[in-house]
Amino acid sequence: MKHSEEYQKFTNLVDNLLSVSHEEMQRREAEYRKQVEANPNRRGPKRKAVKTPYASGHEDSDIR
């Protein structure tokens, strides 16, 4: 059965997309998020910084 050129392009794109491993997609997503978070002019709600358990930032073992 003969398919249109658009169908072939779409099929090739989907095949190419599905050939990327889950680990690679996770790595790319983390890299993209890091880039987005670094943009001070981005729109929308800002993510909160991770808080340390102590105001000084020391671990419990550092205090003793």
N, C-alpha and C. Protein backbone atom coordinates (compact mmCIF):
# COMPACT_ATOMS: atom_id res chain seq x y z
N MET A 1 0.85 -1.17 0.00
CA MET A 1 0.00 0.00 0.00
C MET A 1 0.89 1.24 0.00
N LYS A 2 0.59 2.15 -0.88
CA LYS A 2 1.36 3.38 -1.02
C LYS A 2 0.83 4.42 -0.04
N HIS A 3 1.75 5.03 0.74
CA HIS A 3 1.37 6.05 1.71
C HIS A 3 1.89 7.40 1.25
N SER A 4 1.26 8.43 1.78
CA SER A 4 1.67 9.78 1.41
C SER A 4 3.02 10.12 2.04
N GLU A 5 3.63 11.16 1.52
CA GLU A 5 4.93 11.60 2.03
C GLU A 5 4.81 12.07 3.47
N GLU A 6 3.70 12.73 3.81
CA GLU A 6 3.48 13.20 5.18
C GLU A 6 3.40 12.03 6.15
N TYR A 7 2.71 10.97 5.73
CA TYR A 7 2.59 9.78 6.57
C TYR A 7 3.96 9.15 6.80
N GLN A 8 4.77 9.07 5.78
CA GLN A 8 6.11 8.51 5.91
C GLN A 8 6.97 9.35 6.85
N LYS A 9 6.89 10.67 6.72
CA LYS A 9 7.65 11.56 7.61
C LYS A 9 7.21 11.38 9.06
N PHE A 10 5.90 11.30 9.27
CA PHE A 10 5.37 11.12 10.61
C PHE A 10 5.81 9.78 11.19
N THR A 11 5.72 8.73 10.40
CA THR A 11 6.13 7.40 10.86
C THR A 11 7.61 7.38 11.22
N ASN A 12 8.43 8.00 10.39
CA ASN A 12 9.86 8.05 10.68
C ASN A 12 10.14 8.85 11.95
N LEU A 13 9.41 9.94 12.15
CA LEU A 13 9.58 10.75 13.35
C LEU A 13 9.21 9.96 14.60
N VAL A 14 8.09 9.26 14.56
CA VAL A 14 7.66 8.46 15.71
C VAL A 14 8.66 7.33 15.99
N ASP A 15 9.13 6.67 14.96
CA ASP A 15 10.12 5.61 15.14
C ASP A 15 11.40 6.16 15.76
N ASN A 16 11.81 7.34 15.31
CA ASN A 16 13.01 7.96 15.85
C ASN A 16 12.81 8.35 17.31
N LEU A 17 11.65 8.87 17.63
CA LEU A 17 11.35 9.28 19.00
C LEU A 17 11.31 8.08 19.93
N LEU A 18 10.69 7.01 19.51
CA LEU A 18 10.57 5.83 20.36
C LEU A 18 11.88 5.08 20.53
N SER A 19 12.86 5.37 19.70
CA SER A 19 14.14 4.67 19.82
C SER A 19 15.03 5.25 20.92
N VAL A 20 14.66 6.41 21.49
CA VAL A 20 15.43 7.03 22.56
C VAL A 20 15.09 6.34 23.87
N SER A 21 16.11 5.98 24.66
CA SER A 21 15.88 5.25 25.90
C SER A 21 15.27 6.16 26.96
N HIS A 22 14.66 5.55 27.96
CA HIS A 22 14.03 6.30 29.05
C HIS A 22 15.08 7.09 29.83
N GLU A 23 16.24 6.50 30.06
CA GLU A 23 17.31 7.19 30.79
C GLU A 23 17.75 8.44 30.04
N GLU A 24 17.86 8.33 28.73
CA GLU A 24 18.26 9.49 27.92
C GLU A 24 17.20 10.59 27.98
N MET A 25 15.93 10.21 27.94
CA MET A 25 14.86 11.21 28.04
C MET A 25 14.88 11.89 29.40
N GLN A 26 15.13 11.13 30.46
CA GLN A 26 15.21 11.71 31.80
C GLN A 26 16.39 12.68 31.90
N ARG A 27 17.53 12.31 31.30
CA ARG A 27 18.70 13.18 31.32
C ARG A 27 18.43 14.47 30.57
N ARG A 28 17.80 14.36 29.41
CA ARG A 28 17.48 15.55 28.62
C ARG A 28 16.49 16.46 29.36
N GLU A 29 15.50 15.86 30.00
CA GLU A 29 14.50 16.63 30.75
C GLU A 29 15.15 17.36 31.92
N ALA A 30 16.06 16.69 32.63
CA ALA A 30 16.75 17.33 33.76
C ALA A 30 17.62 18.49 33.26
N GLU A 31 18.28 18.29 32.14
CA GLU A 31 19.11 19.35 31.56
C GLU A 31 18.24 20.54 31.17
N TYR A 32 17.08 20.27 30.58
CA TYR A 32 16.17 21.34 30.17
C TYR A 32 15.63 22.08 31.39
N ARG A 33 15.25 21.35 32.44
CA ARG A 33 14.74 21.99 33.65
C ARG A 33 15.79 22.90 34.28
N LYS A 34 17.04 22.44 34.29
CA LYS A 34 18.12 23.24 34.85
C LYS A 34 18.27 24.54 34.06
N GLN A 35 18.15 24.45 32.75
CA GLN A 35 18.25 25.63 31.90
C GLN A 35 17.08 26.58 32.14
N VAL A 36 15.87 26.04 32.30
CA VAL A 36 14.69 26.86 32.54
C VAL A 36 14.78 27.54 33.90
N GLU A 37 15.22 26.80 34.91
CA GLU A 37 15.33 27.37 36.26
C GLU A 37 16.37 28.48 36.32
N ALA A 38 17.37 28.44 35.46
CA ALA A 38 18.42 29.45 35.46
C ALA A 38 17.95 30.76 34.84
N ASN A 39 16.82 30.75 34.15
CA ASN A 39 16.31 31.95 33.50
C ASN A 39 15.57 32.81 34.52
N PRO A 40 16.11 33.98 34.89
CA PRO A 40 15.44 34.82 35.89
C PRO A 40 14.19 35.50 35.36
N ASN A 41 14.00 35.55 34.06
CA ASN A 41 12.86 36.24 33.46
C ASN A 41 11.73 35.30 33.06
N ARG A 42 11.76 34.07 33.53
CA ARG A 42 10.74 33.13 33.10
C ARG A 42 9.39 33.46 33.73
N ARG A 43 8.34 33.15 33.01
CA ARG A 43 6.99 33.43 33.47
C ARG A 43 6.48 32.30 34.35
N GLY A 44 5.48 32.60 35.13
CA GLY A 44 4.84 31.58 35.93
C GLY A 44 5.42 31.49 37.32
N PRO A 45 4.89 30.56 38.11
CA PRO A 45 5.36 30.44 39.50
C PRO A 45 6.81 29.94 39.54
N LYS A 46 7.56 30.48 40.47
CA LYS A 46 8.95 30.08 40.65
C LYS A 46 9.01 28.90 41.61
N ARG A 47 9.93 28.00 41.38
CA ARG A 47 10.12 26.87 42.28
C ARG A 47 10.81 27.36 43.55
N LYS A 48 10.44 26.78 44.67
CA LYS A 48 11.06 27.15 45.93
C LYS A 48 12.40 26.45 46.06
N ALA A 49 13.35 27.13 46.73
CA ALA A 49 14.66 26.55 46.96
C ALA A 49 14.54 25.45 48.02
N VAL A 50 15.41 24.47 47.95
CA VAL A 50 15.42 23.39 48.91
C VAL A 50 15.98 23.93 50.22
N LYS A 51 15.24 23.76 51.31
CA LYS A 51 15.67 24.28 52.60
C LYS A 51 16.50 23.23 53.33
N THR A 52 17.50 23.71 54.08
CA THR A 52 18.30 22.82 54.91
C THR A 52 17.62 22.72 56.27
N PRO A 53 17.85 21.66 57.01
CA PRO A 53 17.19 21.52 58.31
C PRO A 53 17.63 22.57 59.32
N TYR A 54 18.82 23.12 59.15
CA TYR A 54 19.32 24.14 60.07
C TYR A 54 19.53 25.44 59.31
N ALA A 55 19.35 26.56 59.97
CA ALA A 55 19.50 27.85 59.34
C ALA A 55 20.92 28.07 58.85
N SER A 56 21.90 27.53 59.57
CA SER A 56 23.30 27.71 59.19
C SER A 56 23.71 26.79 58.05
N GLY A 57 22.88 25.79 57.77
CA GLY A 57 23.19 24.87 56.68
C GLY A 57 24.06 23.71 57.10
N HIS A 58 24.37 23.60 58.40
CA HIS A 58 25.21 22.51 58.89
C HIS A 58 24.37 21.27 59.12
N GLU A 59 25.00 20.13 58.98
CA GLU A 59 24.35 18.87 59.29
C GLU A 59 24.38 18.68 60.80
N ASP A 60 23.59 17.76 61.29
CA ASP A 60 23.52 17.46 62.71
C ASP A 60 24.88 17.01 63.23
N SER A 61 25.61 16.22 62.44
CA SER A 61 26.92 15.71 62.87
C SER A 61 27.97 16.81 62.94
N ASP A 62 27.78 17.93 62.22
CA ASP A 62 28.74 19.04 62.25
C ASP A 62 28.65 19.84 63.53
N ILE A 63 27.50 19.83 64.18
CA ILE A 63 27.29 20.68 65.34
C ILE A 63 27.96 20.09 66.57
N ARG A 64 27.99 18.81 66.70
CA ARG A 64 28.56 18.16 67.90
C ARG A 64 30.04 18.17 67.93
